[in-house]
Amino acid sequence: MSCDLIRLAMAGFDACEPTLDGSRIATHCLYPSFESVHVYVVKEGGTFVVHDAKGAFNSAWGHARDEKIITAALDKEALRYHLRNDGNRLVTSDVPGDWLRPAILAVANASAAAATNAVARVVAVADEALVAKIDKTVHNCPVSGYYNRTRIRVALAESEASVSRGTSTLCGKP
C-alpha cells in the first residue's frame, strides 16, 4: 500500500478553520453517530485554551436526552483526561504551545468517550426498564411450573406485533 494514498485519504484531518469558537480541527475520534470530533483552539496570551464546544454534550443529547447521565459522563471523562467540564464543554486551559498536540488529543478522546458512554448508559437504563416491565408482565401471566423464557419471548413478540395493529392481548388480557 502506498503511503501517498493513505496521506491523501487522511488529508482532511490537516484542515484547520477559524470559527467563532476558535480554530477548529477535525480529529480521528468519532462520536456515536460516526461524526468526527472537532476540537477548538483559542489563543489566550502566551498559552492556549482547547475545548470541544459542547460537542460531546450535543452528540449525546441527539441520541440520549438525559442531561443528568450526559453530565455525569462528561464529568467522568474530564477527570480521566485531566480536563474540566465547563458548562458542558470539555476544556483545558493554559496549554503551552509544545503541549498543544497532547491537549487536542486529550479533548478529542474525552469528548468521544463521554458521548459514547452517555449513550451506552441511557441504553442500559432503557434496557433495565424494559426488563422490569417484562418481569412485571410475566409475573402477572400464568406460566405453568417454571419461568419459561422462550414462551415469554414469543408472547412479547406477539404483543409488540399486536400493539402495532392495535389488538394487544398479552396473556389473554386486552
C-alpha atoms as a PDB file:
ATOM      1  CA  MET A   1       0.000   0.000   0.000  1.00  0.00           C
ATOM      2  CA  SER A   2       1.286   3.404  -0.927  1.00  0.00           C
ATOM      3  CA  CYS A   3       1.762   5.903   1.907  1.00  0.00           C
ATOM      4  CA  ASP A   4       0.812   8.638  -0.568  1.00  0.00           C
ATOM      5  CA  LEU A   5      -2.677   7.102  -0.893  1.00  0.00           C
ATOM      6  CA  ILE A   6      -3.027   6.956   2.870  1.00  0.00           C
ATOM      7  CA  ARG A   7      -1.886  10.569   3.264  1.00  0.00           C
ATOM      8  CA  LEU A   8      -4.385  11.614   0.605  1.00  0.00           C
ATOM      9  CA  ALA A   9      -7.217   9.736   2.355  1.00  0.00           C
ATOM     10  CA  MET A  10      -6.345  11.355   5.685  1.00  0.00           C
ATOM     11  CA  ALA A  11      -5.642  14.859   4.305  1.00  0.00           C
ATOM     12  CA  GLY A  12      -8.938  16.235   5.609  1.00  0.00           C
ATOM     13  CA  PHE A  13      -7.591  15.947   9.136  1.00  0.00           C
ATOM     14  CA  ASP A  14      -4.887  18.500   8.351  1.00  0.00           C
ATOM     15  CA  ALA A  15      -7.518  21.221   7.930  1.00  0.00           C
ATOM     16  CA  CYS A  16      -7.882  23.989  10.474  1.00  0.00           C
ATOM     17  CA  GLU A  17     -10.545  26.623  10.022  1.00  0.00           C
ATOM     18  CA  PRO A  18     -11.288  29.742  12.048  1.00  0.00           C
ATOM     19  CA  THR A  19     -14.710  29.846  13.750  1.00  0.00           C
ATOM     20  CA  LEU A  20     -16.335  31.968  16.447  1.00  0.00           C
ATOM     21  CA  ASP A  21     -15.435  29.205  18.971  1.00  0.00           C
ATOM     22  CA  GLY A  22     -11.746  29.209  17.953  1.00  0.00           C
ATOM     23  CA  SER A  23      -9.684  27.433  15.344  1.00  0.00           C
ATOM     24  CA  ARG A  24     -11.488  24.170  14.551  1.00  0.00           C
ATOM     25  CA  ILE A  25      -9.613  20.940  13.904  1.00  0.00           C
ATOM     26  CA  ALA A  26     -11.273  17.689  12.788  1.00  0.00           C
ATOM     27  CA  THR A  27      -9.807  14.718  14.648  1.00  0.00           C
ATOM     28  CA  HIS A  28      -9.734  10.966  14.083  1.00  0.00           C
ATOM     29  CA  CYS A  29     -12.054  10.397  17.061  1.00  0.00           C
ATOM     30  CA  LEU A  30     -15.707   9.642  16.413  1.00  0.00           C
ATOM     31  CA  TYR A  31     -18.981  10.284  18.207  1.00  0.00           C
ATOM     32  CA  PRO A  32     -21.641   7.534  18.435  1.00  0.00           C
ATOM     33  CA  SER A  33     -23.141   8.983  15.224  1.00  0.00           C
ATOM     34  CA  PHE A  34     -19.775   8.375  13.479  1.00  0.00           C
ATOM     35  CA  GLU A  35     -19.216  12.097  13.045  1.00  0.00           C
ATOM     36  CA  SER A  36     -15.666  13.320  13.579  1.00  0.00           C
ATOM     37  CA  VAL A  37     -14.926  15.003  16.870  1.00  0.00           C
ATOM     38  CA  HIS A  38     -13.898  18.605  16.309  1.00  0.00           C
ATOM     39  CA  VAL A  39     -11.643  20.370  18.768  1.00  0.00           C
ATOM     40  CA  TYR A  40     -11.301  24.128  19.080  1.00  0.00           C
ATOM     41  CA  VAL A  41      -8.159  26.044  19.999  1.00  0.00           C
ATOM     42  CA  VAL A  42      -8.161  29.627  21.274  1.00  0.00           C
ATOM     43  CA  LYS A  43      -5.009  31.649  21.949  1.00  0.00           C
ATOM     44  CA  GLU A  44      -5.026  33.441  25.292  1.00  0.00           C
ATOM     45  CA  GLY A  45      -1.895  35.456  25.901  1.00  0.00           C
ATOM     46  CA  GLY A  46       1.074  33.108  25.552  1.00  0.00           C
ATOM     47  CA  THR A  47      -0.969  29.911  26.054  1.00  0.00           C
ATOM     48  CA  PHE A  48      -3.978  28.174  24.553  1.00  0.00           C
ATOM     49  CA  VAL A  49      -7.441  27.011  25.593  1.00  0.00           C
ATOM     50  CA  VAL A  50      -8.557  23.758  23.974  1.00  0.00           C
ATOM     51  CA  HIS A  51     -12.225  22.672  24.079  1.00  0.00           C
ATOM     52  CA  ASP A  52     -14.883  20.631  22.300  1.00  0.00           C
ATOM     53  CA  ALA A  53     -17.519  23.413  22.013  1.00  0.00           C
ATOM     54  CA  LYS A  54     -20.088  21.160  23.738  1.00  0.00           C
ATOM     55  CA  GLY A  55     -19.576  18.546  21.020  1.00  0.00           C
ATOM     56  CA  ALA A  56     -19.844  15.573  23.396  1.00  0.00           C
ATOM     57  CA  PHE A  57     -22.931  17.001  25.074  1.00  0.00           C
ATOM     58  CA  ASN A  58     -24.666  17.787  21.779  1.00  0.00           C
ATOM     59  CA  SER A  59     -23.827  14.397  20.287  1.00  0.00           C
ATOM     60  CA  ALA A  60     -25.056  12.516  23.347  1.00  0.00           C
ATOM     61  CA  TRP A  61     -28.169  14.703  23.563  1.00  0.00           C
ATOM     62  CA  GLY A  62     -29.057  13.755  19.991  1.00  0.00           C
ATOM     63  CA  HIS A  63     -29.106  10.079  20.975  1.00  0.00           C
ATOM     64  CA  ALA A  64     -29.998  10.123  24.649  1.00  0.00           C
ATOM     65  CA  ARG A  65     -31.928  13.024  26.074  1.00  0.00           C
ATOM     66  CA  ASP A  66     -30.936  12.581  29.707  1.00  0.00           C
ATOM     67  CA  GLU A  67     -28.974  15.590  30.930  1.00  0.00           C
ATOM     68  CA  LYS A  68     -28.059  14.010  34.275  1.00  0.00           C
ATOM     69  CA  ILE A  69     -26.467  10.947  32.637  1.00  0.00           C
ATOM     70  CA  ILE A  70     -24.728  13.038  29.983  1.00  0.00           C
ATOM     71  CA  THR A  71     -23.291  15.435  32.577  1.00  0.00           C
ATOM     72  CA  ALA A  72     -22.051  12.507  34.676  1.00  0.00           C
ATOM     73  CA  ALA A  73     -20.291  11.064  31.608  1.00  0.00           C
ATOM     74  CA  LEU A  74     -18.705  14.447  30.840  1.00  0.00           C
ATOM     75  CA  ASP A  75     -17.505  14.789  34.442  1.00  0.00           C
ATOM     76  CA  LYS A  76     -16.063  11.269  34.457  1.00  0.00           C
ATOM     77  CA  GLU A  77     -14.104  11.754  31.228  1.00  0.00           C
ATOM     78  CA  ALA A  78     -12.981  15.249  32.250  1.00  0.00           C
ATOM     79  CA  LEU A  79     -11.493  13.757  35.409  1.00  0.00           C
ATOM     80  CA  ARG A  80      -9.928  10.870  33.496  1.00  0.00           C
ATOM     81  CA  TYR A  81      -8.237  13.153  30.952  1.00  0.00           C
ATOM     82  CA  HIS A  82      -7.368  15.956  33.421  1.00  0.00           C
ATOM     83  CA  LEU A  83      -9.818  18.388  31.862  1.00  0.00           C
ATOM     84  CA  ARG A  84     -12.772  20.259  33.283  1.00  0.00           C
ATOM     85  CA  ASN A  85     -16.444  20.313  32.387  1.00  0.00           C
ATOM     86  CA  ASP A  86     -17.180  23.999  31.916  1.00  0.00           C
ATOM     87  CA  GLY A  87     -20.863  24.445  31.014  1.00  0.00           C
ATOM     88  CA  ASN A  88     -20.933  21.100  29.165  1.00  0.00           C
ATOM     89  CA  ARG A  89     -17.709  21.929  27.313  1.00  0.00           C
ATOM     90  CA  LEU A  90     -14.687  19.725  27.896  1.00  0.00           C
ATOM     91  CA  VAL A  91     -11.859  22.220  28.376  1.00  0.00           C
ATOM     92  CA  THR A  92      -8.191  22.504  29.226  1.00  0.00           C
ATOM     93  CA  SER A  93      -6.576  25.915  29.734  1.00  0.00           C
ATOM     94  CA  ASP A  94      -3.108  27.414  30.000  1.00  0.00           C
ATOM     95  CA  VAL A  95      -1.730  24.988  27.441  1.00  0.00           C
ATOM     96  CA  PRO A  96       1.776  25.924  26.282  1.00  0.00           C
ATOM     97  CA  GLY A  97       2.479  25.603  22.562  1.00  0.00           C
ATOM     98  CA  ASP A  98       4.615  22.490  22.945  1.00  0.00           C
ATOM     99  CA  TRP A  99       1.706  20.711  24.714  1.00  0.00           C
ATOM    100  CA  LEU A 100      -0.924  21.704  22.139  1.00  0.00           C
ATOM    101  CA  ARG A 101      -0.965  18.325  20.345  1.00  0.00           C
ATOM    102  CA  PRO A 102      -1.492  16.240  23.529  1.00  0.00           C
ATOM    103  CA  ALA A 103      -4.145  18.721  24.706  1.00  0.00           C
ATOM    104  CA  ILE A 104      -6.048  18.433  21.411  1.00  0.00           C
ATOM    105  CA  LEU A 105      -5.855  14.632  21.581  1.00  0.00           C
ATOM    106  CA  ALA A 106      -6.986  14.580  25.221  1.00  0.00           C
ATOM    107  CA  VAL A 107     -10.020  16.770  24.500  1.00  0.00           C
ATOM    108  CA  ALA A 108     -10.909  14.747  21.389  1.00  0.00           C
ATOM    109  CA  ASN A 109     -10.644  11.389  23.167  1.00  0.00           C
ATOM    110  CA  ALA A 110     -12.533  12.631  26.222  1.00  0.00           C
ATOM    111  CA  SER A 111     -15.277  14.112  24.060  1.00  0.00           C
ATOM    112  CA  ALA A 112     -15.760  10.904  22.054  1.00  0.00           C
ATOM    113  CA  ALA A 113     -15.666   8.727  25.183  1.00  0.00           C
ATOM    114  CA  ALA A 114     -18.101  10.933  27.115  1.00  0.00           C
ATOM    115  CA  ALA A 115     -20.684  10.897  24.315  1.00  0.00           C
ATOM    116  CA  THR A 116     -20.291   7.155  23.762  1.00  0.00           C
ATOM    117  CA  ASN A 117     -20.528   6.347  27.477  1.00  0.00           C
ATOM    118  CA  ALA A 118     -23.552   8.603  27.980  1.00  0.00           C
ATOM    119  CA  VAL A 119     -25.422   6.944  25.115  1.00  0.00           C
ATOM    120  CA  ALA A 120     -24.458   3.472  26.369  1.00  0.00           C
ATOM    121  CA  ARG A 121     -25.694   4.325  29.875  1.00  0.00           C
ATOM    122  CA  VAL A 122     -29.025   5.655  28.617  1.00  0.00           C
ATOM    123  CA  VAL A 123     -29.469   2.479  26.557  1.00  0.00           C
ATOM    124  CA  ALA A 124     -28.654   0.381  29.639  1.00  0.00           C
ATOM    125  CA  VAL A 125     -31.220   2.304  31.699  1.00  0.00           C
ATOM    126  CA  ALA A 126     -33.827   1.754  28.985  1.00  0.00           C
ATOM    127  CA  ASP A 127     -32.946  -1.959  28.881  1.00  0.00           C
ATOM    128  CA  GLU A 128     -33.304  -2.193  32.666  1.00  0.00           C
ATOM    129  CA  ALA A 129     -36.728  -0.543  32.433  1.00  0.00           C
ATOM    130  CA  LEU A 130     -37.751  -2.992  29.698  1.00  0.00           C
ATOM    131  CA  VAL A 131     -36.605  -5.971  31.778  1.00  0.00           C
ATOM    132  CA  ALA A 132     -38.588  -4.645  34.755  1.00  0.00           C
ATOM    133  CA  LYS A 133     -41.667  -4.264  32.539  1.00  0.00           C
ATOM    134  CA  ILE A 134     -41.197  -7.799  31.197  1.00  0.00           C
ATOM    135  CA  ASP A 135     -40.803  -9.191  34.718  1.00  0.00           C
ATOM    136  CA  LYS A 136     -43.959  -7.411  35.848  1.00  0.00           C
ATOM    137  CA  THR A 137     -45.879  -8.705  32.842  1.00  0.00           C
ATOM    138  CA  VAL A 138     -44.538 -12.243  33.244  1.00  0.00           C
ATOM    139  CA  HIS A 139     -45.431 -12.400  36.913  1.00  0.00           C
ATOM    140  CA  ASN A 140     -48.996 -11.428  36.034  1.00  0.00           C
ATOM    141  CA  CYS A 141     -49.222 -14.216  33.437  1.00  0.00           C
ATOM    142  CA  PRO A 142     -49.995 -17.821  34.301  1.00  0.00           C
ATOM    143  CA  VAL A 143     -46.861 -19.753  33.264  1.00  0.00           C
ATOM    144  CA  SER A 144     -47.140 -23.391  34.225  1.00  0.00           C
ATOM    145  CA  GLY A 145     -44.432 -24.678  36.516  1.00  0.00           C
ATOM    146  CA  TYR A 146     -41.385 -22.565  35.657  1.00  0.00           C
ATOM    147  CA  TYR A 147     -40.140 -19.291  34.210  1.00  0.00           C
ATOM    148  CA  ASN A 148     -40.258 -20.125  30.502  1.00  0.00           C
ATOM    149  CA  ARG A 149     -38.074 -17.570  28.680  1.00  0.00           C
ATOM    150  CA  THR A 150     -38.944 -18.894  25.232  1.00  0.00           C
ATOM    151  CA  ARG A 151     -42.666 -18.565  25.910  1.00  0.00           C
ATOM    152  CA  ILE A 152     -42.053 -15.057  27.243  1.00  0.00           C
ATOM    153  CA  ARG A 153     -40.093 -14.018  24.145  1.00  0.00           C
ATOM    154  CA  VAL A 154     -42.854 -15.347  21.892  1.00  0.00           C
ATOM    155  CA  ALA A 155     -45.515 -13.595  23.977  1.00  0.00           C
ATOM    156  CA  LEU A 156     -43.586 -10.316  23.830  1.00  0.00           C
ATOM    157  CA  ALA A 157     -43.049 -10.584  20.074  1.00  0.00           C
ATOM    158  CA  GLU A 158     -46.740 -11.299  19.585  1.00  0.00           C
ATOM    159  CA  SER A 159     -47.601  -8.458  21.948  1.00  0.00           C
ATOM    160  CA  GLU A 160     -45.398  -5.985  20.064  1.00  0.00           C
ATOM    161  CA  ALA A 161     -46.972  -7.053  16.780  1.00  0.00           C
ATOM    162  CA  SER A 162     -50.479  -6.769  18.175  1.00  0.00           C
ATOM    163  CA  VAL A 163     -49.738  -3.381  19.754  1.00  0.00           C
ATOM    164  CA  SER A 164     -48.685  -2.089  16.354  1.00  0.00           C
ATOM    165  CA  ARG A 165     -52.001  -3.423  14.969  1.00  0.00           C
ATOM    166  CA  GLY A 166     -53.930  -2.085  17.970  1.00  0.00           C
ATOM    167  CA  THR A 167     -55.061  -5.571  19.109  1.00  0.00           C
ATOM    168  CA  SER A 168     -52.793  -6.259  22.110  1.00  0.00           C
ATOM    169  CA  THR A 169     -53.770  -9.309  24.186  1.00  0.00           C
ATOM    170  CA  LEU A 170     -50.664 -10.275  26.168  1.00  0.00           C
ATOM    171  CA  CYS A 171     -51.523 -13.190  28.497  1.00  0.00           C
ATOM    172  CA  GLY A 172     -55.010 -13.244  27.073  1.00  0.00           C
ATOM    173  CA  LYS A 173     -55.808  -9.821  28.592  1.00  0.00           C
ATOM    174  CA  PRO A 174     -56.807  -6.957  26.271  1.00  0.00           C
END
